[in-house]
């Protein structure tokens, strides 16, 4: 009698779950709570893709699971880094823009000068975001995806941080 999909999945889960958890915590340096969340995500993806991977050999299944766990950690760290960097720099940029105009004219001129040094596409995205437009509005106007605009904005803000940090240490 052949195993059902649920039985095979359960067998793989029992066989690899503990080792995958150790791989996430020990080898990929993820804290335990995050490892549990990421491991759950790996198993969800495995179940969703089970119809395509169930005919793989045991060795290939193990490799697939480890690669999926590695990719989950990579994406998690990338998102975590991206959001912390963007939120921090966006908050600082907002503080800089909200400061008193008569005391910060020189600082605003430095910011404008640095923005002019960006590529035209980055300038347009940064200036449009400064006016309060959402990524969705900008994407419709520029015919670009929201994700690409977020990426462009993030890179532009990082460049501004480097440029302004050199000229204006009080900004950061």
Protein backbone atom coordinates (compact mmCIF):
# COMPACT_ATOMS: atom_id res chain seq x y z
CA UNK A 1 0.00 0.00 0.00
CA UNK A 2 1.36 3.40 -1.03
CA UNK A 3 1.71 6.30 1.40
CA UNK A 4 -0.71 9.20 1.11
CA UNK A 5 0.60 12.72 0.70
CA UNK A 6 -0.23 13.52 4.30
CA UNK A 7 1.66 10.47 5.57
CA UNK A 8 4.72 11.29 3.45
CA UNK A 9 4.64 14.91 4.56
CA UNK A 10 4.36 13.83 8.20
CA UNK A 11 7.27 11.45 7.76
CA UNK A 12 9.45 14.21 6.28
CA UNK A 13 8.36 16.60 9.01
CA UNK A 14 9.28 14.13 11.77
CA UNK A 15 12.52 13.22 10.04
CA UNK A 16 13.85 16.73 9.31
CA UNK A 17 12.15 19.25 11.62
CA UNK A 18 14.63 19.11 14.52
CA UNK A 19 17.66 19.19 12.22
CA UNK A 20 16.24 22.14 10.29
CA UNK A 21 15.63 23.99 13.54
CA UNK A 22 19.24 23.42 14.61
CA UNK A 23 20.43 24.53 11.17
CA UNK A 24 18.50 27.79 11.50
CA UNK A 25 19.66 28.52 15.05
CA UNK A 26 23.22 27.27 14.98
CA UNK A 27 24.43 27.61 11.41
CA UNK A 28 22.41 30.60 10.24
CA UNK A 29 22.49 32.44 13.60
CA UNK A 30 18.78 33.07 14.00
CA UNK A 31 17.21 33.49 17.45
CA UNK A 32 14.91 30.69 18.58
CA UNK A 33 11.60 32.53 18.22
CA UNK A 34 12.45 33.71 14.73
CA UNK A 35 13.69 30.22 13.84
CA UNK A 36 10.34 28.74 14.85
CA UNK A 37 8.51 31.26 12.65
CA UNK A 38 10.81 30.70 9.70
CA UNK A 39 10.65 26.94 10.12
CA UNK A 40 6.86 27.12 10.04
CA UNK A 41 7.11 29.11 6.82
CA UNK A 42 9.40 26.47 5.33
CA UNK A 43 6.91 23.72 6.13
CA UNK A 44 4.01 25.73 4.72
CA UNK A 45 5.89 26.26 1.46
CA UNK A 46 6.88 22.60 1.43
CA UNK A 47 3.23 21.57 1.77
CA UNK A 48 2.14 24.02 -0.92
CA UNK A 49 4.81 22.69 -3.29
CA UNK A 50 4.48 19.08 -2.18
CA UNK A 51 2.84 17.96 -5.42
CA UNK A 52 5.98 19.03 -7.32
CA UNK A 53 8.60 17.75 -4.86
CA UNK A 54 7.03 14.54 -3.56
CA UNK A 55 8.64 12.41 -6.29
CA UNK A 56 12.15 13.61 -5.49
CA UNK A 57 14.58 11.26 -3.83
CA UNK A 58 15.20 11.54 -0.09
CA UNK A 59 18.53 13.29 -0.64
CA UNK A 60 16.92 15.84 -2.95
CA UNK A 61 14.07 16.48 -0.50
CA UNK A 62 16.57 17.18 2.26
CA UNK A 63 18.50 19.52 -0.01
CA UNK A 64 15.26 21.30 -1.02
CA UNK A 65 14.28 21.83 2.63
CA UNK A 66 17.70 23.17 3.62
CA UNK A 67 17.78 25.51 0.64
CA UNK A 68 14.26 26.75 1.45
CA UNK A 69 15.31 27.40 5.07
CA UNK A 70 18.43 29.25 3.90
CA UNK A 71 16.36 31.40 1.53
CA UNK A 72 13.80 32.16 4.25
CA UNK A 73 16.60 33.37 6.55
CA UNK A 74 18.16 35.43 3.77
CA UNK A 75 14.86 37.09 2.92
CA UNK A 76 14.10 37.68 6.60
CA UNK A 77 17.47 39.35 7.21
CA UNK A 78 17.17 41.40 4.03
CA UNK A 79 13.69 42.62 5.00
CA UNK A 80 14.77 43.31 8.57
CA UNK A 81 17.78 45.31 7.41
CA UNK A 82 15.75 47.12 4.75
CA UNK A 83 12.94 48.13 7.07
CA UNK A 84 15.20 49.22 9.91
CA UNK A 85 17.36 51.26 7.54
CA UNK A 86 14.43 52.81 5.68
CA UNK A 87 12.42 53.57 8.82
CA UNK A 88 15.42 55.11 10.54
CA UNK A 89 16.48 57.25 7.60
CA UNK A 90 12.90 58.22 6.73
CA UNK A 91 12.29 59.36 10.31
CA UNK A 92 15.47 61.41 10.22
CA UNK A 93 14.56 62.86 6.83
CA UNK A 94 11.12 63.82 8.16
CA UNK A 95 12.67 65.43 11.25
CA UNK A 96 15.06 67.34 9.02
CA UNK A 97 12.22 68.60 6.81
CA UNK A 98 10.05 69.54 9.80
CA UNK A 99 12.73 71.64 11.47
CA UNK A 100 12.47 75.41 11.78
CA UNK A 101 12.97 77.10 8.38
CA UNK A 102 14.83 80.17 9.67
CA UNK A 103 17.38 78.15 11.62
CA UNK A 104 17.87 75.38 9.09
CA UNK A 105 18.01 77.11 5.72
CA UNK A 106 21.63 76.11 5.29
CA UNK A 107 20.86 72.51 6.18
CA UNK A 108 17.94 72.42 3.75
CA UNK A 109 20.16 73.82 1.02
CA UNK A 110 22.65 71.04 1.70
CA UNK A 111 19.84 68.47 1.48
CA UNK A 112 18.61 69.94 -1.81
CA UNK A 113 22.16 69.98 -3.17
CA UNK A 114 22.62 66.32 -2.24
CA UNK A 115 19.28 65.40 -3.83
CA UNK A 116 20.42 67.11 -7.05
CA UNK A 117 23.46 64.80 -7.05
CA UNK A 118 21.22 61.71 -7.24
CA UNK A 119 20.28 60.08 -10.53
CA UNK A 120 17.23 61.70 -12.17
CA UNK A 121 14.98 58.73 -11.39
CA UNK A 122 16.06 58.75 -7.73
CA UNK A 123 15.53 62.52 -7.56
CA UNK A 124 12.02 62.17 -8.91
CA UNK A 125 11.10 59.39 -6.48
CA UNK A 126 12.58 61.18 -3.44
CA UNK A 127 11.00 64.52 -4.30
CA UNK A 128 7.63 62.91 -5.00
CA UNK A 129 7.76 61.00 -1.71
CA UNK A 130 8.66 64.26 0.07
CA UNK A 131 5.40 65.75 -1.18
CA UNK A 132 3.53 62.94 0.57
CA UNK A 133 2.58 60.80 -2.42
CA UNK A 134 2.28 57.06 -1.83
CA UNK A 135 4.30 54.48 -3.74
CA UNK A 136 1.09 53.35 -5.39
CA UNK A 137 0.41 56.84 -6.76
CA UNK A 138 3.97 57.19 -7.96
CA UNK A 139 3.93 53.74 -9.58
CA UNK A 140 0.85 54.60 -11.60
CA UNK A 141 2.36 57.87 -12.76
CA UNK A 142 5.82 56.47 -13.56
CA UNK A 143 4.65 53.07 -14.81
CA UNK A 144 6.93 51.19 -12.40
CA UNK A 145 6.13 48.60 -9.77
CA UNK A 146 5.71 49.59 -6.14
CA UNK A 147 8.51 47.22 -5.13
CA UNK A 148 10.98 48.78 -7.57
CA UNK A 149 10.07 52.28 -6.36
CA UNK A 150 10.60 51.21 -2.74
CA UNK A 151 14.00 49.84 -3.72
CA UNK A 152 14.93 53.02 -5.61
CA UNK A 153 13.83 55.17 -2.67
CA UNK A 154 15.74 53.04 -0.17
CA UNK A 155 18.93 53.27 -2.21
CA UNK A 156 18.50 56.99 -2.70
CA UNK A 157 18.00 57.55 1.04
CA UNK A 158 21.13 55.51 1.77
CA UNK A 159 23.08 57.66 -0.69
CA UNK A 160 21.68 60.80 0.91
CA UNK A 161 22.65 59.51 4.31
CA UNK A 162 26.21 59.03 3.15
CA UNK A 163 26.38 62.40 1.40
CA UNK A 164 24.72 64.39 4.18
CA UNK A 165 26.60 62.51 6.86
CA UNK A 166 29.82 63.83 5.36
CA UNK A 167 28.57 67.41 5.22
CA UNK A 168 26.10 67.59 8.05
CA UNK A 169 26.70 65.29 10.98
CA UNK A 170 23.88 66.84 13.04
CA UNK A 171 21.37 65.55 10.48
CA UNK A 172 22.03 61.90 11.30
